[in-house]
Structures are given as C-alpha cells and as structure tokens.
Amino acid sequence: MADLKIITGTFLDGIACDIPDNNWVPDQWTKQFDLFKAMGIDTTIIIRVGWREQAMYKSDVMQTTLYEEDDLVEQLFKEADRTGMRMYLGLYDTCKHWLKNDWETEVDINRLLIEELWDKYAAHPSFYGWYLCHEGDIKYHQTKIWKPLALKAKSYDSTKKIMISPRYAGAKWEPEFAISPELHYKQFDYIYNEMDGLIDTAAFMDGHVNFDQLEDYVIATQEICAKHSIAFWSNLETFDRDMPWRFPPIAWPKLRHKLEVVQSHVEKIITFEAPHFLSPYSMYPSALSLYKRYMGYIGKDTLSDC
C-alpha cells in the first residue's frame, strides 16, 4: 500500500444543490478540517459560492434571496489557513443564463463576482486557485464561459491555478447520446485548444460511465491532458449514482474499484465530496461506515471516537 494514491483533495459543497445540507456550525467545520489532515487531504475546493437563489455569504453581486448570515466562505478559508490546506474558490452558477446559451449574461455576473471575491479573500494564504464551476458537456459551449472568466481571474494573479471538473458523458449521463472514449478525446482536444492554455488542472467526474468502461475513458483523458500539458486528476465521486434517489454514500466495492482503476493514470485523486459521503460527521449514517472501510483500506487509523 506504500505506493497507493489515496484521496488527497475534496470539494466543499457549501450550498445545498442536489444533496441535503449538513447544516454545520463553525466548530463542526473545525472538526472536519482536522479530519481532513488525518485522512491525508491537503486540497479543498469550494465548488461554488452561489447557486440559483442561494449563496454562502450576502453578496452585492449575486444578490440572492437566500444566503448564510455568517460568511461561510470566510470560515472555510480560515480553516484552510489554520490547517495548511490549499483552497480553490468556485464561482456563481445561476443555473439559468448559460443553460439557455446566454453566455454573456453569465460571464458578466461572474466577472463582477471575481472582483468581489478577490477583494474579500485574496489575503488568505490558503487561496491557491479558482474553480470554474459551470459543469456540463460540449453542447453548452463551456469555453464561452470558462475562457473569459479564466482570463479575468488570471488578471489578478497569473500564478493562481485554474481548475475544471468536467464529466465523462457516457452511458449514465444521457444514454441515447453517450459519448465514446474516442469522441470524448476529440471533444476535449477542441475544448483545450479553445482555452489557449488557461486550464491548469482537469479533475474528471467518474460517475457517468459504467464501471467496466471507466478505464477506457481514463486512458483517453490521460492522453489528451498530456497533449495539452494539463494536470489530470480524478474526481472520484463518493456518492452512488445507481440508486433511485439522489444521493447516498457509495457502496464500498464501487469506491475501491474506481480508486484502483485510476492509480497509474492520474496525478491526484480528489472527491465529491468528503463532508457528506466520507465523514463520520455526515448527516448520512452510512458515511461513517464508508469512512471506516476506506481508512482501513489505505492503512490509516480512524478517529478513536468514531
């Protein structure tokens, strides 16, 4: 197990999107960040600061109806500073304009948001990069959003990394339009060319393909990322897409399979999302059992009170 690549990064879902909210208070986040360190996690990614009518703080730019009264982004940055984590900061997904291919409106809002985020959080030593949170596939023309926002973010500090987390649009995404590994390669060759070297890291979601097909997509992605000098990470989903409701913690054999498949192909493994699906503090009771099985597999001790 000495050479085993383990999960060393996690998204932080501070806004309930398609999973329930843990509703943690600050001391619970403190315990979770301490647990991250014990698990070997060194990288955290706030997946988005705003989504539809919700936000992690009261924002003059997003002007959402619902927001955390205490700035949750600031809380998480302070925890990342305290524990020596690297933090990537996500943006605002209106879940409205860009899905109608109104890229200009989505970009205009997020350009202003980047200015606001920079003013509020740039001083944090843990602030390592930006996460471009507009997920999807090529039909939504992501580059029309990603490129101007990456340029805006880089204008403040060109050393800050730019990260994306696209999907393998396979049989579990839109079965009638499933993309083969070969077409996946072609599409991302186009996307990466369009981005003109602005993407530093791509952490591909692994949950939209059948388990026996995963390695084919991983190999194709490794090749196209290498061609464009983009760091290839796995976004190993620790929730289960195969259930009739969204989303419980994943079954352990599925997690182990996905972990083993990517070992020789990726530079780093992150997850969506440890606080909900791989934590003894999660609202899901089975997340405790998954945490114990995972920690045993990677040869690390679990917390004594779990």
C-alpha atoms as a PDB file:
ATOM      1  CA  MET A   1       0.000   0.000   0.000  1.00  0.00           C
ATOM      2  CA  ALA A   2       3.025   2.278   0.188  1.00  0.00           C
ATOM      3  CA  ASP A   3       2.584   3.488  -3.398  1.00  0.00           C
ATOM      4  CA  LEU A   4      -1.214   3.681  -3.308  1.00  0.00           C
ATOM      5  CA  LYS A   5      -2.620   7.013  -4.455  1.00  0.00           C
ATOM      6  CA  ILE A   6      -5.256   7.999  -1.916  1.00  0.00           C
ATOM      7  CA  ILE A   7      -7.853  10.756  -1.891  1.00  0.00           C
ATOM      8  CA  THR A   8      -5.913  13.951  -1.178  1.00  0.00           C
ATOM      9  CA  GLY A   9      -8.497  16.569  -2.081  1.00  0.00           C
ATOM     10  CA  THR A  10     -12.186  17.220  -1.658  1.00  0.00           C
ATOM     11  CA  PHE A  11     -14.844  19.577  -2.882  1.00  0.00           C
ATOM     12  CA  LEU A  12     -16.749  21.517  -0.238  1.00  0.00           C
ATOM     13  CA  ASP A  13     -20.434  21.873  -1.041  1.00  0.00           C
ATOM     14  CA  GLY A  14     -21.388  24.915   0.996  1.00  0.00           C
ATOM     15  CA  ILE A  15     -24.742  25.264  -0.768  1.00  0.00           C
ATOM     16  CA  ALA A  16     -27.342  22.531  -0.938  1.00  0.00           C
ATOM     17  CA  CYS A  17     -27.748  21.813  -4.630  1.00  0.00           C
ATOM     18  CA  ASP A  18     -28.779  18.205  -5.325  1.00  0.00           C
ATOM     19  CA  ILE A  19     -27.827  16.806  -1.902  1.00  0.00           C
ATOM     20  CA  PRO A  20     -29.202  17.769   1.537  1.00  0.00           C
ATOM     21  CA  ASP A  21     -27.325  20.244   3.683  1.00  0.00           C
ATOM     22  CA  ASN A  22     -25.268  19.069   6.675  1.00  0.00           C
ATOM     23  CA  ASN A  23     -26.163  22.402   8.354  1.00  0.00           C
ATOM     24  CA  TRP A  24     -22.833  22.507  10.170  1.00  0.00           C
ATOM     25  CA  VAL A  25     -21.864  25.288  12.551  1.00  0.00           C
ATOM     26  CA  PRO A  26     -18.253  26.575  12.756  1.00  0.00           C
ATOM     27  CA  ASP A  27     -16.948  24.071  15.322  1.00  0.00           C
ATOM     28  CA  GLN A  28     -18.184  21.195  13.141  1.00  0.00           C
ATOM     29  CA  TRP A  29     -16.214  22.569  10.213  1.00  0.00           C
ATOM     30  CA  THR A  30     -13.173  22.803  12.504  1.00  0.00           C
ATOM     31  CA  LYS A  31     -13.501  19.112  13.392  1.00  0.00           C
ATOM     32  CA  GLN A  32     -13.907  18.230   9.722  1.00  0.00           C
ATOM     33  CA  PHE A  33     -10.770  20.112   8.660  1.00  0.00           C
ATOM     34  CA  ASP A  34      -8.824  18.338  11.398  1.00  0.00           C
ATOM     35  CA  LEU A  35     -10.184  15.086   9.997  1.00  0.00           C
ATOM     36  CA  PHE A  36      -9.073  16.088   6.501  1.00  0.00           C
ATOM     37  CA  LYS A  37      -5.500  16.290   7.794  1.00  0.00           C
ATOM     38  CA  ALA A  38      -5.780  12.859   9.411  1.00  0.00           C
ATOM     39  CA  MET A  39      -7.090  11.405   6.139  1.00  0.00           C
ATOM     40  CA  GLY A  40      -4.188  12.795   4.115  1.00  0.00           C
ATOM     41  CA  ILE A  41      -6.199  15.532   2.409  1.00  0.00           C
ATOM     42  CA  ASP A  42      -4.237  18.668   1.510  1.00  0.00           C
ATOM     43  CA  THR A  43      -6.534  20.376  -1.026  1.00  0.00           C
ATOM     44  CA  THR A  44     -10.066  21.738  -0.658  1.00  0.00           C
ATOM     45  CA  ILE A  45     -12.273  23.194  -3.376  1.00  0.00           C
ATOM     46  CA  ILE A  46     -15.327  25.359  -2.683  1.00  0.00           C
ATOM     47  CA  ILE A  47     -17.393  24.076  -5.561  1.00  0.00           C
ATOM     48  CA  ARG A  48     -19.442  27.253  -5.884  1.00  0.00           C
ATOM     49  CA  VAL A  49     -20.143  30.316  -3.737  1.00  0.00           C
ATOM     50  CA  GLY A  50     -23.592  30.757  -5.252  1.00  0.00           C
ATOM     51  CA  TRP A  51     -26.212  28.650  -6.986  1.00  0.00           C
ATOM     52  CA  ARG A  52     -29.580  29.877  -8.188  1.00  0.00           C
ATOM     53  CA  GLU A  53     -31.066  31.848  -5.266  1.00  0.00           C
ATOM     54  CA  GLN A  54     -28.564  30.691  -2.627  1.00  0.00           C
ATOM     55  CA  ALA A  55     -25.151  31.991  -1.619  1.00  0.00           C
ATOM     56  CA  MET A  56     -22.510  31.301   1.006  1.00  0.00           C
ATOM     57  CA  TYR A  57     -22.479  34.967   2.070  1.00  0.00           C
ATOM     58  CA  LYS A  58     -24.500  38.119   1.487  1.00  0.00           C
ATOM     59  CA  SER A  59     -23.191  39.299  -1.866  1.00  0.00           C
ATOM     60  CA  ASP A  60     -23.679  42.656  -3.543  1.00  0.00           C
ATOM     61  CA  VAL A  61     -23.095  40.965  -6.897  1.00  0.00           C
ATOM     62  CA  MET A  62     -25.136  37.757  -6.642  1.00  0.00           C
ATOM     63  CA  GLN A  63     -27.976  39.412  -4.686  1.00  0.00           C
ATOM     64  CA  THR A  64     -29.524  36.057  -3.857  1.00  0.00           C
ATOM     65  CA  THR A  65     -32.674  35.682  -1.809  1.00  0.00           C
ATOM     66  CA  LEU A  66     -31.069  33.057   0.449  1.00  0.00           C
ATOM     67  CA  TYR A  67     -27.621  33.350   1.996  1.00  0.00           C
ATOM     68  CA  GLU A  68     -25.581  32.412   5.058  1.00  0.00           C
ATOM     69  CA  GLU A  69     -25.792  35.237   7.599  1.00  0.00           C
ATOM     70  CA  ASP A  70     -22.213  34.494   8.693  1.00  0.00           C
ATOM     71  CA  ASP A  71     -19.781  34.397   5.778  1.00  0.00           C
ATOM     72  CA  LEU A  72     -19.227  30.662   5.198  1.00  0.00           C
ATOM     73  CA  VAL A  73     -16.525  31.297   2.578  1.00  0.00           C
ATOM     74  CA  GLU A  74     -14.519  33.251   5.150  1.00  0.00           C
ATOM     75  CA  GLN A  75     -14.987  30.464   7.708  1.00  0.00           C
ATOM     76  CA  LEU A  76     -13.670  27.841   5.307  1.00  0.00           C
ATOM     77  CA  PHE A  77     -10.704  29.970   4.264  1.00  0.00           C
ATOM     78  CA  LYS A  78      -9.772  30.422   7.911  1.00  0.00           C
ATOM     79  CA  GLU A  79      -9.905  26.663   8.444  1.00  0.00           C
ATOM     80  CA  ALA A  80      -7.790  26.099   5.342  1.00  0.00           C
ATOM     81  CA  ASP A  81      -5.265  28.672   6.590  1.00  0.00           C
ATOM     82  CA  ARG A  82      -5.157  27.018  10.007  1.00  0.00           C
ATOM     83  CA  THR A  83      -4.607  23.508   8.682  1.00  0.00           C
ATOM     84  CA  GLY A  84      -2.241  24.385   5.840  1.00  0.00           C
ATOM     85  CA  MET A  85      -4.648  23.400   3.067  1.00  0.00           C
ATOM     86  CA  ARG A  86      -4.675  24.661  -0.471  1.00  0.00           C
ATOM     87  CA  MET A  87      -8.046  26.181  -1.337  1.00  0.00           C
ATOM     88  CA  TYR A  88      -9.629  26.604  -4.760  1.00  0.00           C
ATOM     89  CA  LEU A  89     -12.528  29.052  -4.933  1.00  0.00           C
ATOM     90  CA  GLY A  90     -15.587  28.409  -7.096  1.00  0.00           C
ATOM     91  CA  LEU A  91     -17.867  30.995  -8.683  1.00  0.00           C
ATOM     92  CA  TYR A  92     -21.624  31.518  -9.194  1.00  0.00           C
ATOM     93  CA  ASP A  93     -23.769  29.147 -11.213  1.00  0.00           C
ATOM     94  CA  THR A  94     -27.040  30.959 -11.897  1.00  0.00           C
ATOM     95  CA  CYS A  95     -28.389  27.692 -13.333  1.00  0.00           C
ATOM     96  CA  LYS A  96     -30.263  29.942 -15.721  1.00  0.00           C
ATOM     97  CA  HIS A  97     -28.485  32.125 -18.281  1.00  0.00           C
ATOM     98  CA  TRP A  98     -25.763  29.805 -19.559  1.00  0.00           C
ATOM     99  CA  LEU A  99     -28.119  26.823 -19.824  1.00  0.00           C
ATOM    100  CA  LYS A 100     -30.009  28.891 -22.415  1.00  0.00           C
ATOM    101  CA  ASN A 101     -26.682  29.625 -24.131  1.00  0.00           C
ATOM    102  CA  ASP A 102     -26.831  33.194 -22.855  1.00  0.00           C
ATOM    103  CA  TRP A 103     -23.135  33.060 -22.039  1.00  0.00           C
ATOM    104  CA  GLU A 104     -22.681  36.828 -21.999  1.00  0.00           C
ATOM    105  CA  THR A 105     -25.020  37.425 -19.054  1.00  0.00           C
ATOM    106  CA  GLU A 106     -23.488  34.552 -17.058  1.00  0.00           C
ATOM    107  CA  VAL A 107     -19.993  35.863 -17.738  1.00  0.00           C
ATOM    108  CA  ASP A 108     -20.870  39.467 -16.876  1.00  0.00           C
ATOM    109  CA  ILE A 109     -22.209  38.460 -13.446  1.00  0.00           C
ATOM    110  CA  ASN A 110     -19.218  36.275 -12.694  1.00  0.00           C
ATOM    111  CA  ARG A 111     -16.669  38.873 -13.824  1.00  0.00           C
ATOM    112  CA  LEU A 112     -18.090  41.224 -11.206  1.00  0.00           C
ATOM    113  CA  LEU A 113     -18.132  38.378  -8.713  1.00  0.00           C
ATOM    114  CA  ILE A 114     -14.440  37.655  -9.269  1.00  0.00           C
ATOM    115  CA  GLU A 115     -13.728  41.289  -8.375  1.00  0.00           C
ATOM    116  CA  GLU A 116     -15.778  40.920  -5.194  1.00  0.00           C
ATOM    117  CA  LEU A 117     -14.164  37.602  -4.253  1.00  0.00           C
ATOM    118  CA  TRP A 118     -10.681  38.974  -4.832  1.00  0.00           C
ATOM    119  CA  ASP A 119     -11.342  41.968  -2.605  1.00  0.00           C
ATOM    120  CA  LYS A 120     -12.751  39.759   0.163  1.00  0.00           C
ATOM    121  CA  TYR A 121     -10.438  36.729   0.182  1.00  0.00           C
ATOM    122  CA  ALA A 122      -7.185  37.403  -1.690  1.00  0.00           C
ATOM    123  CA  ALA A 123      -5.211  37.883   1.526  1.00  0.00           C
ATOM    124  CA  HIS A 124      -5.740  34.305   2.694  1.00  0.00           C
ATOM    125  CA  PRO A 125      -2.515  32.292   2.358  1.00  0.00           C
ATOM    126  CA  SER A 126      -4.516  29.164   1.508  1.00  0.00           C
ATOM    127  CA  PHE A 127      -6.031  30.784  -1.615  1.00  0.00           C
ATOM    128  CA  TYR A 128      -4.359  28.653  -4.282  1.00  0.00           C
ATOM    129  CA  GLY A 129      -6.608  28.850  -7.321  1.00  0.00           C
ATOM    130  CA  TRP A 130     -10.003  29.231  -8.929  1.00  0.00           C
ATOM    131  CA  TYR A 131     -12.559  26.573  -9.776  1.00  0.00           C
ATOM    132  CA  LEU A 132     -14.679  27.166 -12.886  1.00  0.00           C
ATOM    133  CA  CYS A 133     -17.940  25.745 -11.586  1.00  0.00           C
ATOM    134  CA  HIS A 134     -20.043  25.695 -14.765  1.00  0.00           C
ATOM    135  CA  GLU A 135     -20.237  21.972 -15.376  1.00  0.00           C
ATOM    136  CA  GLY A 136     -21.827  20.255 -18.328  1.00  0.00           C
ATOM    137  CA  ASP A 137     -20.760  18.976 -21.703  1.00  0.00           C
ATOM    138  CA  ILE A 138     -19.787  20.434 -25.031  1.00  0.00           C
ATOM    139  CA  LYS A 139     -23.345  21.306 -26.118  1.00  0.00           C
ATOM    140  CA  TYR A 140     -23.370  24.131 -23.541  1.00  0.00           C
ATOM    141  CA  HIS A 141     -20.199  25.619 -25.043  1.00  0.00           C
ATOM    142  CA  GLN A 142     -18.342  25.800 -21.752  1.00  0.00           C
ATOM    143  CA  THR A 143     -15.378  27.579 -23.281  1.00  0.00           C
ATOM    144  CA  LYS A 144     -17.524  30.665 -23.863  1.00  0.00           C
ATOM    145  CA  ILE A 145     -17.847  30.886 -20.077  1.00  0.00           C
ATOM    146  CA  TRP A 146     -14.562  29.387 -18.936  1.00  0.00           C
ATOM    147  CA  LYS A 147     -12.249  31.426 -21.141  1.00  0.00           C
ATOM    148  CA  PRO A 148     -13.320  34.980 -20.219  1.00  0.00           C
ATOM    149  CA  LEU A 149     -13.585  34.052 -16.535  1.00  0.00           C
ATOM    150  CA  ALA A 150     -10.169  32.392 -16.515  1.00  0.00           C
ATOM    151  CA  LEU A 151      -8.694  35.483 -18.164  1.00  0.00           C
ATOM    152  CA  LYS A 152     -10.367  37.705 -15.562  1.00  0.00           C
ATOM    153  CA  ALA A 153      -9.086  35.581 -12.678  1.00  0.00           C
ATOM    154  CA  LYS A 154      -5.575  35.411 -14.131  1.00  0.00           C
ATOM    155  CA  SER A 155      -5.533  39.202 -14.499  1.00  0.00           C
ATOM    156  CA  TYR A 156      -5.295  39.476 -10.700  1.00  0.00           C
ATOM    157  CA  ASP A 157      -2.608  36.866 -10.191  1.00  0.00           C
ATOM    158  CA  SER A 158      -1.354  34.692 -13.042  1.00  0.00           C
ATOM    159  CA  THR A 159       0.125  32.180 -10.596  1.00  0.00           C
ATOM    160  CA  LYS A 160      -3.282  31.172  -9.245  1.00  0.00           C
ATOM    161  CA  LYS A 161      -4.291  27.845 -10.769  1.00  0.00           C
ATOM    162  CA  ILE A 162      -7.422  27.354 -12.865  1.00  0.00           C
ATOM    163  CA  MET A 163      -9.282  24.093 -12.328  1.00  0.00           C
ATOM    164  CA  ILE A 164     -12.251  22.440 -14.050  1.00  0.00           C
ATOM    165  CA  SER A 165     -14.131  19.212 -13.311  1.00  0.00           C
ATOM    166  CA  PRO A 166     -15.905  18.001 -16.472  1.00  0.00           C
ATOM    167  CA  ARG A 167     -17.750  14.723 -16.871  1.00  0.00           C
ATOM    168  CA  TYR A 168     -17.274  11.646 -18.968  1.00  0.00           C
ATOM    169  CA  ALA A 169     -20.585  11.957 -20.834  1.00  0.00           C
ATOM    170  CA  GLY A 170     -21.104   8.189 -21.029  1.00  0.00           C
ATOM    171  CA  ALA A 171     -23.940   5.723 -20.558  1.00  0.00           C
ATOM    172  CA  LYS A 172     -25.059   7.116 -17.189  1.00  0.00           C
ATOM    173  CA  TRP A 173     -25.358  10.691 -18.410  1.00  0.00           C
ATOM    174  CA  GLU A 174     -27.622  10.728 -21.464  1.00  0.00           C
ATOM    175  CA  PRO A 175     -27.762   7.088 -22.570  1.00  0.00           C
ATOM    176  CA  GLU A 176     -29.165   7.862 -26.025  1.00  0.00           C
ATOM    177  CA  PHE A 177     -26.306  10.305 -26.659  1.00  0.00           C
ATOM    178  CA  ALA A 178     -23.481   8.516 -24.831  1.00  0.00           C
ATOM    179  CA  ILE A 179     -20.053   9.744 -25.914  1.00  0.00           C
ATOM    180  CA  SER A 180     -17.424   7.109 -26.682  1.00  0.00           C
ATOM    181  CA  PRO A 181     -13.878   7.465 -25.286  1.00  0.00           C
ATOM    182  CA  GLU A 182     -12.699   8.309 -28.808  1.00  0.00           C
ATOM    183  CA  LEU A 183     -15.231  11.106 -29.240  1.00  0.00           C
ATOM    184  CA  HIS A 184     -14.525  12.271 -25.688  1.00  0.00           C
ATOM    185  CA  TYR A 185     -10.869  12.674 -26.720  1.00  0.00           C
ATOM    186  CA  LYS A 186     -11.829  14.681 -29.833  1.00  0.00           C
ATOM    187  CA  GLN A 187     -14.153  16.963 -27.911  1.00  0.00           C
ATOM    188  CA  PHE A 188     -11.595  17.802 -25.265  1.00  0.00           C
ATOM    189  CA  ASP A 189      -8.917  18.325 -27.877  1.00  0.00           C
ATOM    190  CA  TYR A 190     -11.202  21.024 -29.260  1.00  0.00           C
ATOM    191  CA  ILE A 191     -12.027  22.430 -25.803  1.00  0.00           C
ATOM    192  CA  TYR A 192      -8.403  22.604 -24.698  1.00  0.00           C
ATOM    193  CA  ASN A 193      -7.381  24.292 -27.941  1.00  0.00           C
ATOM    194  CA  GLU A 194     -10.127  26.861 -27.416  1.00  0.00           C
ATOM    195  CA  MET A 195      -8.872  27.577 -23.892  1.00  0.00           C
ATOM    196  CA  ASP A 196      -5.397  28.614 -25.091  1.00  0.00           C
ATOM    197  CA  GLY A 197      -3.505  27.084 -22.175  1.00  0.00           C
ATOM    198  CA  LEU A 198      -5.638  28.743 -19.474  1.00  0.00           C
ATOM    199  CA  ILE A 199      -6.604  25.472 -17.761  1.00  0.00           C
ATOM    200  CA  ASP A 200      -4.050  24.135 -15.304  1.00  0.00           C
ATOM    201  CA  THR A 201      -5.937  21.157 -13.901  1.00  0.00           C
ATOM    202  CA  ALA A 202      -8.829  18.961 -15.029  1.00  0.00           C
ATOM    203  CA  ALA A 203     -10.407  16.653 -12.436  1.00  0.00           C
ATOM    204  CA  PHE A 204     -12.850  14.498 -14.356  1.00  0.00           C
ATOM    205  CA  MET A 205     -16.010  13.197 -12.658  1.00  0.00           C
ATOM    206  CA  ASP A 206     -16.034   9.411 -12.822  1.00  0.00           C
ATOM    207  CA  GLY A 207     -19.709   8.656 -12.208  1.00  0.00           C
ATOM    208  CA  HIS A 208     -21.354   8.935 -15.627  1.00  0.00           C
ATOM    209  CA  VAL A 209     -19.877   5.781 -17.167  1.00  0.00           C
ATOM    210  CA  ASN A 210     -20.324   2.097 -16.430  1.00  0.00           C
ATOM    211  CA  PHE A 211     -17.709   0.672 -14.092  1.00  0.00           C
ATOM    212  CA  ASP A 212     -16.336  -1.739 -16.704  1.00  0.00           C
ATOM    213  CA  GLN A 213     -15.827   1.154 -19.150  1.00  0.00           C
ATOM    214  CA  LEU A 214     -14.198   3.623 -16.780  1.00  0.00           C
ATOM    215  CA  GLU A 215     -10.589   2.775 -17.614  1.00  0.00           C
ATOM    216  CA  ASP A 216     -11.137   3.383 -21.342  1.00  0.00           C
ATOM    217  CA  TYR A 217     -12.292   6.936 -20.619  1.00  0.00           C
ATOM    218  CA  VAL A 218      -9.479   7.474 -18.119  1.00  0.00           C
ATOM    219  CA  ILE A 219      -6.829   6.395 -20.642  1.00  0.00           C
ATOM    220  CA  ALA A 220      -8.266   8.658 -23.340  1.00  0.00           C
ATOM    221  CA  THR A 221      -8.362  11.573 -20.895  1.00  0.00           C
ATOM    222  CA  GLN A 222      -4.811  10.958 -19.718  1.00  0.00           C
ATOM    223  CA  GLU A 223      -3.649  11.178 -23.338  1.00  0.00           C
ATOM    224  CA  ILE A 224      -5.495  14.384 -24.182  1.00  0.00           C
ATOM    225  CA  CYS A 225      -4.451  16.095 -20.944  1.00  0.00           C
ATOM    226  CA  ALA A 226      -0.827  15.152 -21.578  1.00  0.00           C
ATOM    227  CA  LYS A 227      -1.051  16.534 -25.129  1.00  0.00           C
ATOM    228  CA  HIS A 228      -2.134  19.921 -23.743  1.00  0.00           C
ATOM    229  CA  SER A 229       0.086  19.894 -20.606  1.00  0.00           C
ATOM    230  CA  ILE A 230      -2.916  19.903 -18.260  1.00  0.00           C
ATOM    231  CA  ALA A 231      -2.676  18.121 -14.920  1.00  0.00           C
ATOM    232  CA  PHE A 232      -5.088  15.180 -14.945  1.00  0.00           C
ATOM    233  CA  TRP A 233      -6.845  14.437 -11.650  1.00  0.00           C
ATOM    234  CA  SER A 234      -9.673  12.051 -10.834  1.00  0.00           C
ATOM    235  CA  ASN A 235     -12.820  13.440  -9.240  1.00  0.00           C
ATOM    236  CA  LEU A 236     -13.728  10.166  -7.551  1.00  0.00           C
ATOM    237  CA  GLU A 237     -17.376  10.506  -6.635  1.00  0.00           C
ATOM    238  CA  THR A 238     -18.066   9.066  -3.190  1.00  0.00           C
ATOM    239  CA  PHE A 239     -21.830   9.155  -3.739  1.00  0.00           C
ATOM    240  CA  ASP A 240     -23.820   6.476  -5.553  1.00  0.00           C
ATOM    241  CA  ARG A 241     -25.455   7.378  -8.870  1.00  0.00           C
ATOM    242  CA  ASP A 242     -27.061   3.942  -9.215  1.00  0.00           C
ATOM    243  CA  MET A 243     -29.718   4.437  -6.545  1.00  0.00           C
ATOM    244  CA  PRO A 244     -33.323   5.521  -7.265  1.00  0.00           C
ATOM    245  CA  TRP A 245     -32.830   8.676  -5.156  1.00  0.00           C
ATOM    246  CA  ARG A 246     -30.086  11.295  -5.007  1.00  0.00           C
ATOM    247  CA  PHE A 247     -27.624  10.565  -3.443  1.00  0.00           C
ATOM    248  CA  PRO A 248     -26.433   8.166  -0.727  1.00  0.00           C
ATOM    249  CA  PRO A 249     -22.803   7.332   0.088  1.00  0.00           C
ATOM    250  CA  ILE A 250     -21.422   4.913  -2.481  1.00  0.00           C
ATOM    251  CA  ALA A 251     -21.062   1.180  -1.916  1.00  0.00           C
ATOM    252  CA  TRP A 252     -17.519   0.327  -0.840  1.00  0.00           C
ATOM    253  CA  PRO A 253     -16.716  -2.089  -3.736  1.00  0.00           C
ATOM    254  CA  LYS A 254     -17.585   0.678  -6.194  1.00  0.00           C
ATOM    255  CA  LEU A 255     -15.318   3.177  -4.452  1.00  0.00           C
ATOM    256  CA  ARG A 256     -12.474   0.669  -4.283  1.00  0.00           C
ATOM    257  CA  HIS A 257     -12.849  -0.199  -7.977  1.00  0.00           C
ATOM    258  CA  LYS A 258     -12.716   3.438  -9.069  1.00  0.00           C
ATOM    259  CA  LEU A 259      -9.742   4.113  -6.803  1.00  0.00           C
ATOM    260  CA  GLU A 260      -7.844   1.180  -8.253  1.00  0.00           C
ATOM    261  CA  VAL A 261      -8.660   1.981 -11.891  1.00  0.00           C
ATOM    262  CA  VAL A 262      -7.064   5.441 -11.831  1.00  0.00           C
ATOM    263  CA  GLN A 263      -3.894   4.565  -9.912  1.00  0.00           C
ATOM    264  CA  SER A 264      -1.452   4.574 -12.835  1.00  0.00           C
ATOM    265  CA  HIS A 265      -3.184   7.287 -14.854  1.00  0.00           C
ATOM    266  CA  VAL A 266      -3.794  10.372 -12.694  1.00  0.00           C
ATOM    267  CA  GLU A 267      -1.603  12.790 -10.765  1.00  0.00           C
ATOM    268  CA  LYS A 268      -4.040  13.290  -7.902  1.00  0.00           C
ATOM    269  CA  ILE A 269      -7.367  11.958  -6.636  1.00  0.00           C
ATOM    270  CA  ILE A 270      -9.999  14.275  -5.190  1.00  0.00           C
ATOM    271  CA  THR A 271     -13.629  13.586  -4.357  1.00  0.00           C
ATOM    272  CA  PHE A 272     -17.078  14.984  -4.380  1.00  0.00           C
ATOM    273  CA  GLU A 273     -17.469  15.152  -1.542  1.00  0.00           C
ATOM    274  CA  ALA A 274     -15.909  14.042   1.727  1.00  0.00           C
ATOM    275  CA  PRO A 275     -18.045  16.047   4.220  1.00  0.00           C
ATOM    276  CA  HIS A 276     -21.255  14.371   3.044  1.00  0.00           C
ATOM    277  CA  PHE A 277     -20.164  10.928   1.917  1.00  0.00           C
ATOM    278  CA  LEU A 278     -16.835  10.055   3.568  1.00  0.00           C
ATOM    279  CA  SER A 279     -17.091  11.549   7.017  1.00  0.00           C
ATOM    280  CA  PRO A 280     -18.170  10.299  10.456  1.00  0.00           C
ATOM    281  CA  TYR A 281     -19.824  13.711  10.924  1.00  0.00           C
ATOM    282  CA  SER A 282     -22.062  13.447   7.856  1.00  0.00           C
ATOM    283  CA  MET A 283     -25.840  13.591   8.014  1.00  0.00           C
ATOM    284  CA  TYR A 284     -25.733  10.143   6.328  1.00  0.00           C
ATOM    285  CA  PRO A 285     -25.137   7.365   8.903  1.00  0.00           C
ATOM    286  CA  SER A 286     -23.574   5.087   6.279  1.00  0.00           C
ATOM    287  CA  ALA A 287     -20.866   7.681   5.581  1.00  0.00           C
ATOM    288  CA  LEU A 288     -19.278   6.632   8.892  1.00  0.00           C
ATOM    289  CA  SER A 289     -19.058   3.022   7.726  1.00  0.00           C
ATOM    290  CA  LEU A 290     -17.648   4.077   4.350  1.00  0.00           C
ATOM    291  CA  TYR A 291     -15.073   6.241   6.132  1.00  0.00           C
ATOM    292  CA  LYS A 292     -14.006   3.288   8.291  1.00  0.00           C
ATOM    293  CA  ARG A 293     -13.719   0.924   5.320  1.00  0.00           C
ATOM    294  CA  TYR A 294     -11.760   3.454   3.284  1.00  0.00           C
ATOM    295  CA  MET A 295      -9.378   4.306   6.113  1.00  0.00           C
ATOM    296  CA  GLY A 296      -8.764   0.626   6.779  1.00  0.00           C
ATOM    297  CA  TYR A 297      -8.042   0.023   3.103  1.00  0.00           C
ATOM    298  CA  ILE A 298      -5.464   2.815   2.886  1.00  0.00           C
ATOM    299  CA  GLY A 299      -3.869   1.777   6.181  1.00  0.00           C
ATOM    300  CA  LYS A 300      -4.788   4.773   8.294  1.00  0.00           C
ATOM    301  CA  ASP A 301      -6.333   4.825  11.763  1.00  0.00           C
ATOM    302  CA  THR A 302      -9.859   6.081  12.240  1.00  0.00           C
ATOM    303  CA  LEU A 303     -10.722   8.580  14.925  1.00  0.00           C
ATOM    304  CA  SER A 304     -10.998   6.907  18.327  1.00  0.00           C
ATOM    305  CA  ASP A 305     -14.485   8.295  18.941  1.00  0.00           C
ATOM    306  CA  CYS A 306     -15.961   7.025  15.676  1.00  0.00           C
END
